[in-house]
C-alpha atoms as a PDB file:
ATOM      1  CA  UNK A   1     -12.482   5.566  -4.892  1.00  0.00           C
ATOM      2  CA  UNK A   2     -11.546   2.457  -6.848  1.00  0.00           C
ATOM      3  CA  UNK A   3     -10.992   2.926 -10.539  1.00  0.00           C
ATOM      4  CA  UNK A   4     -11.080   0.166 -13.103  1.00  0.00           C
ATOM      5  CA  UNK A   5      -7.787  -1.446 -13.908  1.00  0.00           C
ATOM      6  CA  UNK A   6      -8.825  -1.114 -17.579  1.00  0.00           C
ATOM      7  CA  UNK A   7      -8.515   2.675 -17.511  1.00  0.00           C
ATOM      8  CA  UNK A   8      -5.613   3.747 -19.740  1.00  0.00           C
ATOM      9  CA  UNK A   9      -2.498   5.069 -17.992  1.00  0.00           C
ATOM     10  CA  UNK A  10      -1.951   8.817 -17.733  1.00  0.00           C
ATOM     11  CA  UNK A  11       1.129  10.604 -19.059  1.00  0.00           C
ATOM     12  CA  UNK A  12       2.682  12.825 -16.376  1.00  0.00           C
ATOM     13  CA  UNK A  13       5.822  14.908 -16.115  1.00  0.00           C
ATOM     14  CA  UNK A  14       8.075  15.013 -13.066  1.00  0.00           C
ATOM     15  CA  UNK A  15       7.659  18.686 -12.198  1.00  0.00           C
ATOM     16  CA  UNK A  16       9.786  18.481  -9.087  1.00  0.00           C
ATOM     17  CA  UNK A  17      11.976  15.923  -7.346  1.00  0.00           C
ATOM     18  CA  UNK A  18      13.011  16.763  -3.812  1.00  0.00           C
ATOM     19  CA  UNK A  19      14.997  15.041  -1.060  1.00  0.00           C
ATOM     20  CA  UNK A  20      12.629  15.028   1.929  1.00  0.00           C
ATOM     21  CA  UNK A  21      14.745  12.994   4.368  1.00  0.00           C
ATOM     22  CA  UNK A  22      17.552  10.468   4.334  1.00  0.00           C
ATOM     23  CA  UNK A  23      16.783   8.044   1.460  1.00  0.00           C
ATOM     24  CA  UNK A  24      13.321   9.543   0.861  1.00  0.00           C
ATOM     25  CA  UNK A  25      12.466  11.636  -2.205  1.00  0.00           C
ATOM     26  CA  UNK A  26       9.185  13.244  -3.148  1.00  0.00           C
ATOM     27  CA  UNK A  27       8.036  13.489  -6.758  1.00  0.00           C
ATOM     28  CA  UNK A  28       5.531  16.089  -7.946  1.00  0.00           C
ATOM     29  CA  UNK A  29       3.752  14.796 -11.047  1.00  0.00           C
ATOM     30  CA  UNK A  30       1.677  16.991 -13.372  1.00  0.00           C
ATOM     31  CA  UNK A  31      -0.502  16.008 -16.314  1.00  0.00           C
ATOM     32  CA  UNK A  32       0.772  16.367 -19.867  1.00  0.00           C
ATOM     33  CA  UNK A  33      -2.344  15.841 -21.978  1.00  0.00           C
ATOM     34  CA  UNK A  34      -4.697  17.540 -19.515  1.00  0.00           C
ATOM     35  CA  UNK A  35      -3.938  19.945 -16.669  1.00  0.00           C
ATOM     36  CA  UNK A  36      -6.707  18.470 -14.495  1.00  0.00           C
ATOM     37  CA  UNK A  37      -5.910  15.024 -13.114  1.00  0.00           C
ATOM     38  CA  UNK A  38      -8.487  12.448 -11.947  1.00  0.00           C
ATOM     39  CA  UNK A  39      -9.769  13.154  -8.453  1.00  0.00           C
ATOM     40  CA  UNK A  40      -8.629  11.101  -5.486  1.00  0.00           C
ATOM     41  CA  UNK A  41      -9.529  10.654  -1.842  1.00  0.00           C
ATOM     42  CA  UNK A  42      -7.278  10.458   1.213  1.00  0.00           C
ATOM     43  CA  UNK A  43      -5.616   7.042   1.383  1.00  0.00           C
ATOM     44  CA  UNK A  44      -5.410   6.602  -2.394  1.00  0.00           C
ATOM     45  CA  UNK A  45      -2.397   5.362  -4.317  1.00  0.00           C
ATOM     46  CA  UNK A  46      -1.346   5.279  -7.956  1.00  0.00           C
ATOM     47  CA  UNK A  47       0.489   2.706 -10.036  1.00  0.00           C
ATOM     48  CA  UNK A  48       3.711   4.108 -11.485  1.00  0.00           C
ATOM     49  CA  UNK A  49       4.960   2.380 -14.638  1.00  0.00           C
ATOM     50  CA  UNK A  50       8.730   2.721 -14.473  1.00  0.00           C
ATOM     51  CA  UNK A  51      11.093   3.017 -17.444  1.00  0.00           C
ATOM     52  CA  UNK A  52      12.699  -0.331 -16.506  1.00  0.00           C
ATOM     53  CA  UNK A  53       9.379  -2.134 -17.032  1.00  0.00           C
ATOM     54  CA  UNK A  54       8.426  -2.478 -13.367  1.00  0.00           C
ATOM     55  CA  UNK A  55       5.164  -1.239 -11.875  1.00  0.00           C
ATOM     56  CA  UNK A  56       5.047   0.036  -8.325  1.00  0.00           C
ATOM     57  CA  UNK A  57       2.347   1.521  -6.078  1.00  0.00           C
ATOM     58  CA  UNK A  58       2.909   4.789  -4.236  1.00  0.00           C
ATOM     59  CA  UNK A  59       0.475   6.596  -1.941  1.00  0.00           C
ATOM     60  CA  UNK A  60      -0.583  10.136  -2.761  1.00  0.00           C
ATOM     61  CA  UNK A  61       0.449  12.543  -0.034  1.00  0.00           C
ATOM     62  CA  UNK A  62      -0.739  15.932  -1.297  1.00  0.00           C
ATOM     63  CA  UNK A  63      -4.105  17.383  -0.233  1.00  0.00           C
ATOM     64  CA  UNK A  64      -6.943  15.374  -1.764  1.00  0.00           C
ATOM     65  CA  UNK A  65      -8.656  18.513  -3.019  1.00  0.00           C
ATOM     66  CA  UNK A  66      -5.843  19.176  -5.484  1.00  0.00           C
ATOM     67  CA  UNK A  67      -6.426  18.232  -9.120  1.00  0.00           C
ATOM     68  CA  UNK A  68      -3.373  19.838 -10.756  1.00  0.00           C
ATOM     69  CA  UNK A  69      -0.767  17.422  -9.394  1.00  0.00           C
ATOM     70  CA  UNK A  70      -0.006  14.159  -7.676  1.00  0.00           C
ATOM     71  CA  UNK A  71       2.739  14.030  -5.020  1.00  0.00           C
ATOM     72  CA  UNK A  72       4.296  10.747  -3.931  1.00  0.00           C
ATOM     73  CA  UNK A  73       7.087   9.901  -1.506  1.00  0.00           C
ATOM     74  CA  UNK A  74       9.525   7.078  -2.261  1.00  0.00           C
ATOM     75  CA  UNK A  75      11.890   5.391   0.175  1.00  0.00           C
ATOM     76  CA  UNK A  76      15.088   4.029  -1.372  1.00  0.00           C
ATOM     77  CA  UNK A  77      14.901   0.554   0.094  1.00  0.00           C
ATOM     78  CA  UNK A  78      18.240  -1.244   0.532  1.00  0.00           C
ATOM     79  CA  UNK A  79      16.380  -4.460  -0.366  1.00  0.00           C
ATOM     80  CA  UNK A  80      14.826  -2.848  -3.448  1.00  0.00           C
ATOM     81  CA  UNK A  81      13.667  -5.219  -6.173  1.00  0.00           C
ATOM     82  CA  UNK A  82      14.356  -2.444  -8.679  1.00  0.00           C
ATOM     83  CA  UNK A  83      11.452  -0.063  -8.139  1.00  0.00           C
ATOM     84  CA  UNK A  84      12.565   2.404  -5.491  1.00  0.00           C
ATOM     85  CA  UNK A  85      16.141   2.322  -6.765  1.00  0.00           C
ATOM     86  CA  UNK A  86      14.927   3.266 -10.252  1.00  0.00           C
ATOM     87  CA  UNK A  87      12.834   6.128  -8.876  1.00  0.00           C
ATOM     88  CA  UNK A  88      15.780   7.537  -6.929  1.00  0.00           C
ATOM     89  CA  UNK A  89      18.557   6.957  -9.455  1.00  0.00           C
ATOM     90  CA  UNK A  90      17.031   7.134 -12.939  1.00  0.00           C
ATOM     91  CA  UNK A  91      13.929   9.343 -12.676  1.00  0.00           C
ATOM     92  CA  UNK A  92      14.655  13.076 -12.830  1.00  0.00           C
ATOM     93  CA  UNK A  93      12.824  16.386 -13.122  1.00  0.00           C
ATOM     94  CA  UNK A  94      11.379  16.783 -16.591  1.00  0.00           C
ATOM     95  CA  UNK A  95      11.054  13.044 -17.220  1.00  0.00           C
ATOM     96  CA  UNK A  96       7.766  11.667 -18.504  1.00  0.00           C
ATOM     97  CA  UNK A  97       6.173   8.716 -16.706  1.00  0.00           C
ATOM     98  CA  UNK A  98       2.934   6.804 -17.052  1.00  0.00           C
ATOM     99  CA  UNK A  99       0.719   6.349 -14.027  1.00  0.00           C
ATOM    100  CA  UNK A 100      -2.546   4.593 -13.365  1.00  0.00           C
ATOM    101  CA  UNK A 101      -5.599   6.456 -12.057  1.00  0.00           C
ATOM    102  CA  UNK A 102      -5.967   6.700  -8.266  1.00  0.00           C
ATOM    103  CA  UNK A 103      -7.228   3.643  -6.407  1.00  0.00           C
ATOM    104  CA  UNK A 104      -8.186   3.493  -2.752  1.00  0.00           C
ATOM    105  CA  UNK A 105      -7.919   0.406  -0.555  1.00  0.00           C
ATOM    106  CA  UNK A 106      -7.220   2.474   2.566  1.00  0.00           C
ATOM    107  CA  UNK A 107     -10.261   4.709   2.715  1.00  0.00           C
ATOM    108  CA  UNK A 108     -10.751   7.328   5.404  1.00  0.00           C
ATOM    109  CA  UNK A 109     -14.051   7.181   7.318  1.00  0.00           C
ATOM    110  CA  UNK A 110     -14.710  10.885   7.389  1.00  0.00           C
ATOM    111  CA  UNK A 111     -17.826  10.564   9.562  1.00  0.00           C
ATOM    112  CA  UNK A 112     -15.978   8.957  12.494  1.00  0.00           C
ATOM    113  CA  UNK A 113     -16.219  10.910  15.725  1.00  0.00           C
ATOM    114  CA  UNK A 114     -12.446  10.644  16.124  1.00  0.00           C
ATOM    115  CA  UNK A 115      -9.480   9.324  14.112  1.00  0.00           C
ATOM    116  CA  UNK A 116      -6.139   8.041  15.377  1.00  0.00           C
ATOM    117  CA  UNK A 117      -3.433   8.123  12.687  1.00  0.00           C
ATOM    118  CA  UNK A 118      -0.214   6.118  13.119  1.00  0.00           C
ATOM    119  CA  UNK A 119       2.640   6.349  10.616  1.00  0.00           C
ATOM    120  CA  UNK A 120       5.896   4.421  10.614  1.00  0.00           C
ATOM    121  CA  UNK A 121       8.663   5.677   8.334  1.00  0.00           C
ATOM    122  CA  UNK A 122       7.520   6.025   4.710  1.00  0.00           C
ATOM    123  CA  UNK A 123       4.024   5.133   5.919  1.00  0.00           C
ATOM    124  CA  UNK A 124       3.639   8.856   6.519  1.00  0.00           C
ATOM    125  CA  UNK A 125       2.555   9.366   2.896  1.00  0.00           C
ATOM    126  CA  UNK A 126      -1.110   8.244   3.082  1.00  0.00           C
ATOM    127  CA  UNK A 127      -1.341   9.251   6.742  1.00  0.00           C
ATOM    128  CA  UNK A 128      -0.281  12.815   5.920  1.00  0.00           C
ATOM    129  CA  UNK A 129      -2.965  13.015   3.243  1.00  0.00           C
ATOM    130  CA  UNK A 130      -5.521  11.820   5.805  1.00  0.00           C
ATOM    131  CA  UNK A 131      -4.374  14.428   8.323  1.00  0.00           C
ATOM    132  CA  UNK A 132      -4.706  17.180   5.696  1.00  0.00           C
ATOM    133  CA  UNK A 133      -8.230  16.053   4.908  1.00  0.00           C
ATOM    134  CA  UNK A 134      -9.354  15.719   8.524  1.00  0.00           C
ATOM    135  CA  UNK A 135      -7.904  19.131   9.302  1.00  0.00           C
ATOM    136  CA  UNK A 136      -9.825  20.643   6.391  1.00  0.00           C
ATOM    137  CA  UNK A 137     -13.006  19.029   7.739  1.00  0.00           C
ATOM    138  CA  UNK A 138     -12.215  20.371  11.229  1.00  0.00           C
ATOM    139  CA  UNK A 139     -12.530  16.779  12.472  1.00  0.00           C
ATOM    140  CA  UNK A 140     -11.175  15.398  15.731  1.00  0.00           C
ATOM    141  CA  UNK A 141      -7.939  13.474  15.158  1.00  0.00           C
ATOM    142  CA  UNK A 142      -4.489  12.781  16.545  1.00  0.00           C
ATOM    143  CA  UNK A 143      -1.398  11.674  14.635  1.00  0.00           C
ATOM    144  CA  UNK A 144       1.682   9.753  15.801  1.00  0.00           C
ATOM    145  CA  UNK A 145       4.694   9.652  13.489  1.00  0.00           C
ATOM    146  CA  UNK A 146       7.491   7.177  14.238  1.00  0.00           C
ATOM    147  CA  UNK A 147      10.864   7.074  12.505  1.00  0.00           C
ATOM    148  CA  UNK A 148      14.193   5.395  13.116  1.00  0.00           C
ATOM    149  CA  UNK A 149      15.802   8.821  13.606  1.00  0.00           C
ATOM    150  CA  UNK A 150      15.106  12.513  13.009  1.00  0.00           C
ATOM    151  CA  UNK A 151      17.046  12.498   9.741  1.00  0.00           C
ATOM    152  CA  UNK A 152      14.625   9.874   8.372  1.00  0.00           C
ATOM    153  CA  UNK A 153      11.483  11.855   9.163  1.00  0.00           C
ATOM    154  CA  UNK A 154      10.075  12.983   5.805  1.00  0.00           C
ATOM    155  CA  UNK A 155       7.778  15.975   5.346  1.00  0.00           C
ATOM    156  CA  UNK A 156       8.525  17.176   8.879  1.00  0.00           C
ATOM    157  CA  UNK A 157       8.785  20.802   7.778  1.00  0.00           C
ATOM    158  CA  UNK A 158       5.447  20.604   6.005  1.00  0.00           C
ATOM    159  CA  UNK A 159       3.846  19.111   9.101  1.00  0.00           C
ATOM    160  CA  UNK A 160       5.388  21.765  11.377  1.00  0.00           C
ATOM    161  CA  UNK A 161       3.906  24.527   9.199  1.00  0.00           C
ATOM    162  CA  UNK A 162       0.488  22.930   8.924  1.00  0.00           C
ATOM    163  CA  UNK A 163      -2.647  23.901  10.752  1.00  0.00           C
ATOM    164  CA  UNK A 164      -2.647  20.596  12.629  1.00  0.00           C
ATOM    165  CA  UNK A 165       0.952  20.649  13.911  1.00  0.00           C
ATOM    166  CA  UNK A 166      -0.219  20.619  17.524  1.00  0.00           C
ATOM    167  CA  UNK A 167      -1.997  17.285  16.946  1.00  0.00           C
ATOM    168  CA  UNK A 168       1.164  15.497  15.792  1.00  0.00           C
ATOM    169  CA  UNK A 169       3.404  13.500  18.139  1.00  0.00           C
ATOM    170  CA  UNK A 170       6.867  12.470  16.908  1.00  0.00           C
ATOM    171  CA  UNK A 171       8.657   9.317  18.050  1.00  0.00           C
ATOM    172  CA  UNK A 172      12.217   8.157  17.363  1.00  0.00           C
ATOM    173  CA  UNK A 173      13.665   4.671  17.706  1.00  0.00           C
ATOM    174  CA  UNK A 174      17.071   6.130  18.598  1.00  0.00           C
ATOM    175  CA  UNK A 175      15.660   8.750  20.964  1.00  0.00           C
ATOM    176  CA  UNK A 176      15.202   8.890  24.706  1.00  0.00           C
ATOM    177  CA  UNK A 177      12.642   6.524  26.273  1.00  0.00           C
ATOM    178  CA  UNK A 178      10.115   9.359  26.466  1.00  0.00           C
ATOM    179  CA  UNK A 179      10.378   9.818  22.674  1.00  0.00           C
ATOM    180  CA  UNK A 180       9.517   6.218  21.823  1.00  0.00           C
ATOM    181  CA  UNK A 181       5.997   5.216  20.850  1.00  0.00           C
ATOM    182  CA  UNK A 182       4.219   3.524  23.766  1.00  0.00           C
ATOM    183  CA  UNK A 183       1.585   1.467  21.962  1.00  0.00           C
ATOM    184  CA  UNK A 184       0.009  -0.230  25.004  1.00  0.00           C
ATOM    185  CA  UNK A 185      -0.610   3.153  26.628  1.00  0.00           C
ATOM    186  CA  UNK A 186      -1.838   4.795  23.423  1.00  0.00           C
ATOM    187  CA  UNK A 187      -4.254   2.012  22.502  1.00  0.00           C
ATOM    188  CA  UNK A 188      -5.411   0.958  25.966  1.00  0.00           C
ATOM    189  CA  UNK A 189      -8.814   2.640  25.758  1.00  0.00           C
ATOM    190  CA  UNK A 190     -10.630   1.821  22.487  1.00  0.00           C
ATOM    191  CA  UNK A 191     -13.204   4.603  22.507  1.00  0.00           C
ATOM    192  CA  UNK A 192     -16.371   3.521  20.703  1.00  0.00           C
ATOM    193  CA  UNK A 193     -16.211   6.320  18.131  1.00  0.00           C
ATOM    194  CA  UNK A 194     -12.513   6.182  17.240  1.00  0.00           C
ATOM    195  CA  UNK A 195     -11.128   4.655  14.028  1.00  0.00           C
ATOM    196  CA  UNK A 196      -7.446   3.705  13.889  1.00  0.00           C
ATOM    197  CA  UNK A 197      -5.318   3.981  10.725  1.00  0.00           C
ATOM    198  CA  UNK A 198      -1.794   2.608  10.453  1.00  0.00           C
ATOM    199  CA  UNK A 199       0.717   2.454   7.622  1.00  0.00           C
ATOM    200  CA  UNK A 200       4.423   1.657   7.497  1.00  0.00           C
ATOM    201  CA  UNK A 201       6.758  -1.349   7.571  1.00  0.00           C
ATOM    202  CA  UNK A 202       5.087  -4.688   8.184  1.00  0.00           C
ATOM    203  CA  UNK A 203       6.650  -5.078  11.637  1.00  0.00           C
ATOM    204  CA  UNK A 204       5.268  -1.691  12.699  1.00  0.00           C
ATOM    205  CA  UNK A 205       1.789  -2.456  11.387  1.00  0.00           C
ATOM    206  CA  UNK A 206       1.761  -5.891  12.978  1.00  0.00           C
ATOM    207  CA  UNK A 207       2.751  -4.421  16.358  1.00  0.00           C
ATOM    208  CA  UNK A 208       0.024  -1.770  16.182  1.00  0.00           C
ATOM    209  CA  UNK A 209      -2.709  -4.201  15.143  1.00  0.00           C
ATOM    210  CA  UNK A 210      -1.663  -6.839  17.702  1.00  0.00           C
ATOM    211  CA  UNK A 211      -1.675  -4.278  20.525  1.00  0.00           C
ATOM    212  CA  UNK A 212      -5.021  -2.855  19.416  1.00  0.00           C
ATOM    213  CA  UNK A 213      -6.654  -6.273  19.223  1.00  0.00           C
ATOM    214  CA  UNK A 214      -5.330  -7.235  22.638  1.00  0.00           C
ATOM    215  CA  UNK A 215      -6.855  -4.024  23.999  1.00  0.00           C
ATOM    216  CA  UNK A 216     -10.244  -4.905  22.516  1.00  0.00           C
ATOM    217  CA  UNK A 217     -10.411  -2.756  19.396  1.00  0.00           C
ATOM    218  CA  UNK A 218     -13.016  -4.189  16.982  1.00  0.00           C
ATOM    219  CA  UNK A 219     -11.785  -5.131  13.502  1.00  0.00           C
ATOM    220  CA  UNK A 220     -14.247  -2.765  11.837  1.00  0.00           C
ATOM    221  CA  UNK A 221     -12.347   0.206  13.298  1.00  0.00           C
ATOM    222  CA  UNK A 222      -8.843  -0.987  12.399  1.00  0.00           C
ATOM    223  CA  UNK A 223      -7.532   0.132   9.013  1.00  0.00           C
ATOM    224  CA  UNK A 224      -4.090  -0.542   7.567  1.00  0.00           C
ATOM    225  CA  UNK A 225      -2.084  -0.534   4.359  1.00  0.00           C
ATOM    226  CA  UNK A 226       1.128  -2.432   3.680  1.00  0.00           C
ATOM    227  CA  UNK A 227       3.911  -1.144   1.426  1.00  0.00           C
ATOM    228  CA  UNK A 228       5.704  -4.480   1.118  1.00  0.00           C
ATOM    229  CA  UNK A 229       5.066  -8.083   1.988  1.00  0.00           C
ATOM    230  CA  UNK A 230       7.249 -10.716   3.537  1.00  0.00           C
ATOM    231  CA  UNK A 231       8.549 -13.469   1.234  1.00  0.00           C
ATOM    232  CA  UNK A 232       5.769 -15.953   0.457  1.00  0.00           C
ATOM    233  CA  UNK A 233       7.895 -18.915  -0.668  1.00  0.00           C
ATOM    234  CA  UNK A 234       8.122 -21.610   1.987  1.00  0.00           C
ATOM    235  CA  UNK A 235      10.558 -24.518   2.281  1.00  0.00           C
ATOM    236  CA  UNK A 236       7.793 -27.107   2.164  1.00  0.00           C
ATOM    237  CA  UNK A 237       6.081 -25.810  -0.986  1.00  0.00           C
ATOM    238  CA  UNK A 238       5.016 -28.525  -3.408  1.00  0.00           C
ATOM    239  CA  UNK A 239       3.809 -28.552  -7.000  1.00  0.00           C
ATOM    240  CA  UNK A 240       0.123 -28.207  -7.830  1.00  0.00           C
ATOM    241  CA  UNK A 241      -2.052 -27.971 -10.936  1.00  0.00           C
ATOM    242  CA  UNK A 242      -4.055 -25.120 -12.375  1.00  0.00           C
ATOM    243  CA  UNK A 243      -7.041 -26.295 -14.381  1.00  0.00           C
ATOM    244  CA  UNK A 244      -8.415 -23.576 -16.628  1.00  0.00           C
ATOM    245  CA  UNK A 245     -12.183 -23.960 -16.982  1.00  0.00           C
ATOM    246  CA  UNK A 246     -12.690 -21.826 -20.082  1.00  0.00           C
ATOM    247  CA  UNK A 247      -9.645 -22.815 -22.114  1.00  0.00           C
ATOM    248  CA  UNK A 248      -9.704 -26.484 -20.974  1.00  0.00           C
ATOM    249  CA  UNK A 249      -5.988 -26.497 -20.134  1.00  0.00           C
ATOM    250  CA  UNK A 250      -3.998 -27.983 -17.265  1.00  0.00           C
ATOM    251  CA  UNK A 251      -0.863 -26.165 -16.120  1.00  0.00           C
ATOM    252  CA  UNK A 252       1.599 -27.426 -13.527  1.00  0.00           C
ATOM    253  CA  UNK A 253       3.076 -24.968 -11.004  1.00  0.00           C
ATOM    254  CA  UNK A 254       6.503 -26.041  -9.767  1.00  0.00           C
ATOM    255  CA  UNK A 255       7.446 -25.790  -6.066  1.00  0.00           C
ATOM    256  CA  UNK A 256       9.722 -22.802  -6.712  1.00  0.00           C
ATOM    257  CA  UNK A 257       7.416 -21.109  -9.232  1.00  0.00           C
ATOM    258  CA  UNK A 258       4.525 -18.673  -8.806  1.00  0.00           C
ATOM    259  CA  UNK A 259       1.178 -19.376 -10.407  1.00  0.00           C
ATOM    260  CA  UNK A 260       1.469 -16.190 -12.471  1.00  0.00           C
ATOM    261  CA  UNK A 261       4.861 -17.319 -13.798  1.00  0.00           C
ATOM    262  CA  UNK A 262       3.460 -20.739 -14.714  1.00  0.00           C
ATOM    263  CA  UNK A 263       0.482 -19.151 -16.459  1.00  0.00           C
ATOM    264  CA  UNK A 264       2.669 -16.689 -18.353  1.00  0.00           C
ATOM    265  CA  UNK A 265       5.008 -19.481 -19.482  1.00  0.00           C
ATOM    266  CA  UNK A 266       1.988 -21.314 -20.859  1.00  0.00           C
ATOM    267  CA  UNK A 267       0.825 -18.228 -22.771  1.00  0.00           C
ATOM    268  CA  UNK A 268      -1.920 -17.260 -20.316  1.00  0.00           C
ATOM    269  CA  UNK A 269      -0.728 -13.962 -18.813  1.00  0.00           C
ATOM    270  CA  UNK A 270      -2.553 -12.534 -15.808  1.00  0.00           C
ATOM    271  CA  UNK A 271      -2.240  -8.779 -15.083  1.00  0.00           C
ATOM    272  CA  UNK A 272       0.164  -8.109 -12.216  1.00  0.00           C
ATOM    273  CA  UNK A 273       1.512  -5.046 -10.488  1.00  0.00           C
ATOM    274  CA  UNK A 274       3.067  -5.406  -7.027  1.00  0.00           C
ATOM    275  CA  UNK A 275       3.729  -9.176  -7.365  1.00  0.00           C
ATOM    276  CA  UNK A 276       3.542  -9.423  -3.557  1.00  0.00           C
ATOM    277  CA  UNK A 277      -0.174  -9.955  -2.911  1.00  0.00           C
ATOM    278  CA  UNK A 278      -0.759  -6.382  -1.810  1.00  0.00           C
ATOM    279  CA  UNK A 279      -2.460  -4.513  -4.660  1.00  0.00           C
ATOM    280  CA  UNK A 280      -5.115  -6.989  -5.874  1.00  0.00           C
ATOM    281  CA  UNK A 281      -4.350  -6.516  -9.565  1.00  0.00           C
ATOM    282  CA  UNK A 282      -3.981 -10.257 -10.224  1.00  0.00           C
ATOM    283  CA  UNK A 283      -6.949 -11.535  -8.180  1.00  0.00           C
ATOM    284  CA  UNK A 284      -8.395 -14.501 -10.103  1.00  0.00           C
ATOM    285  CA  UNK A 285     -11.698 -16.384  -9.603  1.00  0.00           C
ATOM    286  CA  UNK A 286     -11.405 -19.919  -8.205  1.00  0.00           C
ATOM    287  CA  UNK A 287     -14.169 -22.382  -9.151  1.00  0.00           C
ATOM    288  CA  UNK A 288     -12.882 -25.446  -7.310  1.00  0.00           C
ATOM    289  CA  UNK A 289     -10.102 -26.337  -4.914  1.00  0.00           C
ATOM    290  CA  UNK A 290      -8.665 -24.711  -1.801  1.00  0.00           C
ATOM    291  CA  UNK A 291      -6.156 -21.867  -2.175  1.00  0.00           C
ATOM    292  CA  UNK A 292      -3.262 -21.386   0.215  1.00  0.00           C
ATOM    293  CA  UNK A 293      -3.791 -17.659   0.726  1.00  0.00           C
ATOM    294  CA  UNK A 294      -0.555 -15.725   1.246  1.00  0.00           C
ATOM    295  CA  UNK A 295      -1.722 -12.277   0.212  1.00  0.00           C
ATOM    296  CA  UNK A 296      -2.432  -9.161   2.236  1.00  0.00           C
ATOM    297  CA  UNK A 297      -5.111  -7.843  -0.120  1.00  0.00           C
ATOM    298  CA  UNK A 298      -8.098 -10.090   0.591  1.00  0.00           C
ATOM    299  CA  UNK A 299      -9.628  -9.858   4.039  1.00  0.00           C
ATOM    300  CA  UNK A 300      -9.766 -12.944   6.251  1.00  0.00           C
ATOM    301  CA  UNK A 301     -13.486 -13.246   5.479  1.00  0.00           C
ATOM    302  CA  UNK A 302     -12.854 -13.012   1.731  1.00  0.00           C
ATOM    303  CA  UNK A 303     -10.097 -15.611   1.939  1.00  0.00           C
ATOM    304  CA  UNK A 304     -12.437 -17.955   3.819  1.00  0.00           C
ATOM    305  CA  UNK A 305     -14.765 -18.080   0.792  1.00  0.00           C
ATOM    306  CA  UNK A 306     -11.922 -19.618  -1.268  1.00  0.00           C
ATOM    307  CA  UNK A 307     -13.504 -18.292  -4.469  1.00  0.00           C
ATOM    308  CA  UNK A 308     -10.605 -15.970  -5.371  1.00  0.00           C
ATOM    309  CA  UNK A 309      -6.859 -15.992  -4.942  1.00  0.00           C
ATOM    310  CA  UNK A 310      -3.771 -13.962  -5.816  1.00  0.00           C
ATOM    311  CA  UNK A 311      -1.654 -16.075  -8.185  1.00  0.00           C
ATOM    312  CA  UNK A 312       1.350 -13.788  -7.783  1.00  0.00           C
ATOM    313  CA  UNK A 313       2.055 -15.210  -4.307  1.00  0.00           C
ATOM    314  CA  UNK A 314      -0.658 -17.645  -3.178  1.00  0.00           C
ATOM    315  CA  UNK A 315      -0.591 -21.372  -3.864  1.00  0.00           C
ATOM    316  CA  UNK A 316      -2.922 -24.353  -3.350  1.00  0.00           C
ATOM    317  CA  UNK A 317      -3.683 -26.516  -0.344  1.00  0.00           C
ATOM    318  CA  UNK A 318      -5.491 -28.961  -2.625  1.00  0.00           C
ATOM    319  CA  UNK A 319      -3.838 -30.886  -5.458  1.00  0.00           C
ATOM    320  CA  UNK A 320      -5.346 -28.528  -8.017  1.00  0.00           C
ATOM    321  CA  UNK A 321      -7.284 -25.304  -8.436  1.00  0.00           C
ATOM    322  CA  UNK A 322      -9.900 -24.796 -11.130  1.00  0.00           C
ATOM    323  CA  UNK A 323      -9.690 -21.198 -12.334  1.00  0.00           C
ATOM    324  CA  UNK A 324     -12.183 -19.190 -14.350  1.00  0.00           C
ATOM    325  CA  UNK A 325      -9.687 -18.636 -17.158  1.00  0.00           C
END
């Protein structure tokens, strides 16, 4: 379920903070003003507005039927831009945070005849929520959980005690050959009724999707969600203009500057969240010109229309873009 970005943030308290695996903590968040939180569906995430001013997205990993709490899992990324480090080092039990209402860009097709769930590392968070939901529906599914090592496998105890433990296969990068995930074998037979879901590091997702496509899986049955994007600044980037149709202004974007930064410097702020082209918060209508799409939010078909772009990371192939601003 997608909820309007205009919905006011919710005040929540960190009821519990728990170390789930090496460098992974879970946070149980409960409502302050109301004990019943907005409903969510498997695959949903929330925006967390951090005390240091950053906003980050985290998938909900508790059962979707619950309304009294939200549970998220956060990996302390060595390349953190300040979000995961703040969650691990400065957010504690009892602290009050603001969060956005649940949004879902990774929806579960509950009517599928079969579901194949693949999680890599911290990508277990939405996948675990999906497994809980499918188990509750008594649906046919299988889950594969890959981690660099056993000590980095979060929520393993919860999975082992679940009613679907026998449907889960664990894989370790540092394990024996038999313990590694064999994607070609797993994805070799794209059954007509099976939907595939994958979440985790970009390299893991890319490998899964590439193998599935080579095996003949149709795009309509491939579903994924990224947690982070690769850098979108390229050596050959050049300046371009933003022409604002409503305010009749022209704004230059420098080669080493994002469109959102140029707009903000000119007093035309655009809402942002992830700042990596993942969440879609900053999507802006394009009236003329050809964007250089570098996001992972818009589908290939949506990008082909060239009527929207993500100014946080995308640029222009044409000399200028006319925006509906």
